C-alpha atoms as a PDB file:
ATOM      1  CA  UNK A   1     123.571 112.200  65.403  1.00  0.00           C
ATOM      2  CA  UNK A   2     123.447 113.314  68.988  1.00  0.00           C
ATOM      3  CA  UNK A   3     120.640 111.852  71.321  1.00  0.00           C
ATOM      4  CA  UNK A   4     119.568 113.559  74.478  1.00  0.00           C
ATOM      5  CA  UNK A   5     118.245 111.789  77.607  1.00  0.00           C
ATOM      6  CA  UNK A   6     116.099 113.781  79.989  1.00  0.00           C
ATOM      7  CA  UNK A   7     117.253 113.501  83.636  1.00  0.00           C
ATOM      8  CA  UNK A   8     114.865 114.629  86.321  1.00  0.00           C
ATOM      9  CA  UNK A   9     116.598 113.857  89.565  1.00  0.00           C
ATOM     10  CA  UNK A  10     120.045 112.843  90.757  1.00  0.00           C
ATOM     11  CA  UNK A  11     121.550 111.167  93.775  1.00  0.00           C
ATOM     12  CA  UNK A  12     124.895 111.638  95.474  1.00  0.00           C
ATOM     13  CA  UNK A  13     126.575 108.543  96.430  1.00  0.00           C
ATOM     14  CA  UNK A  14     130.216 108.270  97.500  1.00  0.00           C
ATOM     15  CA  UNK A  15     130.749 111.859  96.565  1.00  0.00           C
ATOM     16  CA  UNK A  16     129.829 111.169  92.922  1.00  0.00           C
ATOM     17  CA  UNK A  17     126.697 112.391  91.133  1.00  0.00           C
ATOM     18  CA  UNK A  18     124.664 109.662  89.663  1.00  0.00           C
ATOM     19  CA  UNK A  19     121.865 110.809  87.295  1.00  0.00           C
ATOM     20  CA  UNK A  20     118.751 108.794  87.072  1.00  0.00           C
ATOM     21  CA  UNK A  21     116.947 108.915  83.733  1.00  0.00           C
ATOM     22  CA  UNK A  22     113.243 109.748  83.732  1.00  0.00           C
ATOM     23  CA  UNK A  23     112.130 106.808  81.629  1.00  0.00           C
ATOM     24  CA  UNK A  24     113.354 104.175  79.165  1.00  0.00           C
ATOM     25  CA  UNK A  25     112.090 106.063  76.215  1.00  0.00           C
ATOM     26  CA  UNK A  26     111.670 109.680  75.352  1.00  0.00           C
ATOM     27  CA  UNK A  27     107.799 109.411  75.200  1.00  0.00           C
ATOM     28  CA  UNK A  28     106.778 112.967  74.490  1.00  0.00           C
ATOM     29  CA  UNK A  29     107.684 112.494  70.783  1.00  0.00           C
ATOM     30  CA  UNK A  30     105.365 109.456  70.466  1.00  0.00           C
ATOM     31  CA  UNK A  31     101.629 109.658  70.128  1.00  0.00           C
ATOM     32  CA  UNK A  32      99.394 107.750  72.593  1.00  0.00           C
ATOM     33  CA  UNK A  33      98.681 105.089  69.922  1.00  0.00           C
ATOM     34  CA  UNK A  34     102.437 104.602  69.207  1.00  0.00           C
ATOM     35  CA  UNK A  35     103.088 104.259  73.017  1.00  0.00           C
ATOM     36  CA  UNK A  36     100.380 101.698  73.330  1.00  0.00           C
ATOM     37  CA  UNK A  37     101.726  99.715  70.423  1.00  0.00           C
ATOM     38  CA  UNK A  38     105.310  99.974  71.806  1.00  0.00           C
ATOM     39  CA  UNK A  39     104.214  98.836  75.335  1.00  0.00           C
ATOM     40  CA  UNK A  40     102.205  95.895  73.861  1.00  0.00           C
ATOM     41  CA  UNK A  41     105.263  94.820  71.799  1.00  0.00           C
ATOM     42  CA  UNK A  42     107.484  95.031  74.915  1.00  0.00           C
ATOM     43  CA  UNK A  43     105.016  92.932  76.942  1.00  0.00           C
ATOM     44  CA  UNK A  44     104.992  90.240  74.259  1.00  0.00           C
ATOM     45  CA  UNK A  45     108.755  90.228  74.232  1.00  0.00           C
ATOM     46  CA  UNK A  46     108.919  89.915  78.019  1.00  0.00           C
ATOM     47  CA  UNK A  47     106.263  87.164  77.931  1.00  0.00           C
ATOM     48  CA  UNK A  48     108.355  85.191  75.514  1.00  0.00           C
ATOM     49  CA  UNK A  49     111.443  85.672  77.661  1.00  0.00           C
ATOM     50  CA  UNK A  50     109.467  84.395  80.696  1.00  0.00           C
ATOM     51  CA  UNK A  51     108.316  81.378  78.663  1.00  0.00           C
ATOM     52  CA  UNK A  52     111.918  80.500  77.728  1.00  0.00           C
ATOM     53  CA  UNK A  53     113.057  81.044  81.204  1.00  0.00           C
ATOM     54  CA  UNK A  54     110.392  78.744  82.523  1.00  0.00           C
ATOM     55  CA  UNK A  55     111.399  76.043  80.154  1.00  0.00           C
ATOM     56  CA  UNK A  56     115.039  76.487  81.153  1.00  0.00           C
ATOM     57  CA  UNK A  57     114.004  76.319  84.909  1.00  0.00           C
ATOM     58  CA  UNK A  58     112.096  73.038  84.217  1.00  0.00           C
ATOM     59  CA  UNK A  59     115.026  71.544  82.459  1.00  0.00           C
ATOM     60  CA  UNK A  60     117.438  72.484  85.192  1.00  0.00           C
ATOM     61  CA  UNK A  61     115.160  71.138  87.961  1.00  0.00           C
ATOM     62  CA  UNK A  62     114.898  67.798  85.956  1.00  0.00           C
ATOM     63  CA  UNK A  63     118.754  67.788  85.737  1.00  0.00           C
ATOM     64  CA  UNK A  64     119.119  68.382  89.520  1.00  0.00           C
ATOM     65  CA  UNK A  65     116.612  65.523  90.187  1.00  0.00           C
ATOM     66  CA  UNK A  66     118.511  63.181  88.003  1.00  0.00           C
ATOM     67  CA  UNK A  67     121.824  64.122  89.693  1.00  0.00           C
ATOM     68  CA  UNK A  68     120.240  63.559  93.151  1.00  0.00           C
ATOM     69  CA  UNK A  69     118.929  60.201  92.044  1.00  0.00           C
ATOM     70  CA  UNK A  70     122.427  59.254  90.873  1.00  0.00           C
ATOM     71  CA  UNK A  71     123.949  60.310  94.129  1.00  0.00           C
ATOM     72  CA  UNK A  72     121.390  58.402  96.111  1.00  0.00           C
ATOM     73  CA  UNK A  73     122.022  55.237  94.113  1.00  0.00           C
ATOM     74  CA  UNK A  74     125.753  55.509  94.560  1.00  0.00           C
ATOM     75  CA  UNK A  75     125.223  55.896  98.354  1.00  0.00           C
ATOM     76  CA  UNK A  76     122.961  52.828  98.361  1.00  0.00           C
ATOM     77  CA  UNK A  77     125.551  50.860  96.280  1.00  0.00           C
ATOM     78  CA  UNK A  78     128.405  51.919  98.566  1.00  0.00           C
ATOM     79  CA  UNK A  79     126.476  50.966 101.709  1.00  0.00           C
ATOM     80  CA  UNK A  80     126.024  47.381 100.374  1.00  0.00           C
ATOM     81  CA  UNK A  81     122.217  47.588 100.843  1.00  0.00           C
ATOM     82  CA  UNK A  82     119.644  47.022  98.308  1.00  0.00           C
ATOM     83  CA  UNK A  83     116.868  49.431  97.176  1.00  0.00           C
ATOM     84  CA  UNK A  84     114.316  47.308  98.970  1.00  0.00           C
ATOM     85  CA  UNK A  85     116.440  47.354 102.181  1.00  0.00           C
ATOM     86  CA  UNK A  86     116.514  51.083 102.101  1.00  0.00           C
ATOM     87  CA  UNK A  87     112.692  51.332 101.431  1.00  0.00           C
ATOM     88  CA  UNK A  88     112.016  48.958 104.220  1.00  0.00           C
ATOM     89  CA  UNK A  89     114.069  51.036 106.586  1.00  0.00           C
ATOM     90  CA  UNK A  90     112.291  54.231 105.454  1.00  0.00           C
ATOM     91  CA  UNK A  91     108.856  52.578 106.069  1.00  0.00           C
ATOM     92  CA  UNK A  92     110.036  51.734 109.691  1.00  0.00           C
ATOM     93  CA  UNK A  93     110.928  55.456 110.258  1.00  0.00           C
ATOM     94  CA  UNK A  94     107.468  56.642 109.363  1.00  0.00           C
END
């Protein structure tokens, strides 16, 4: 089976021709109702991906905070100070 993609414009870059496809799908073969259904399905897929990405971002931010807390505690321990000493010092700076 041979499929065709409709190219409407091209650009010349570094002496090579790069063809830009007109759209992701060849839409003229689809009715308006089918196009609406396809677009709604694509939106739902993208929203699901966004939801997954937001959850991953939240997890990574929590992981980063934990690493920063660990580094801070290591620095406090290495300095020989206590947490209350560091907190008192920070209050003086404000």
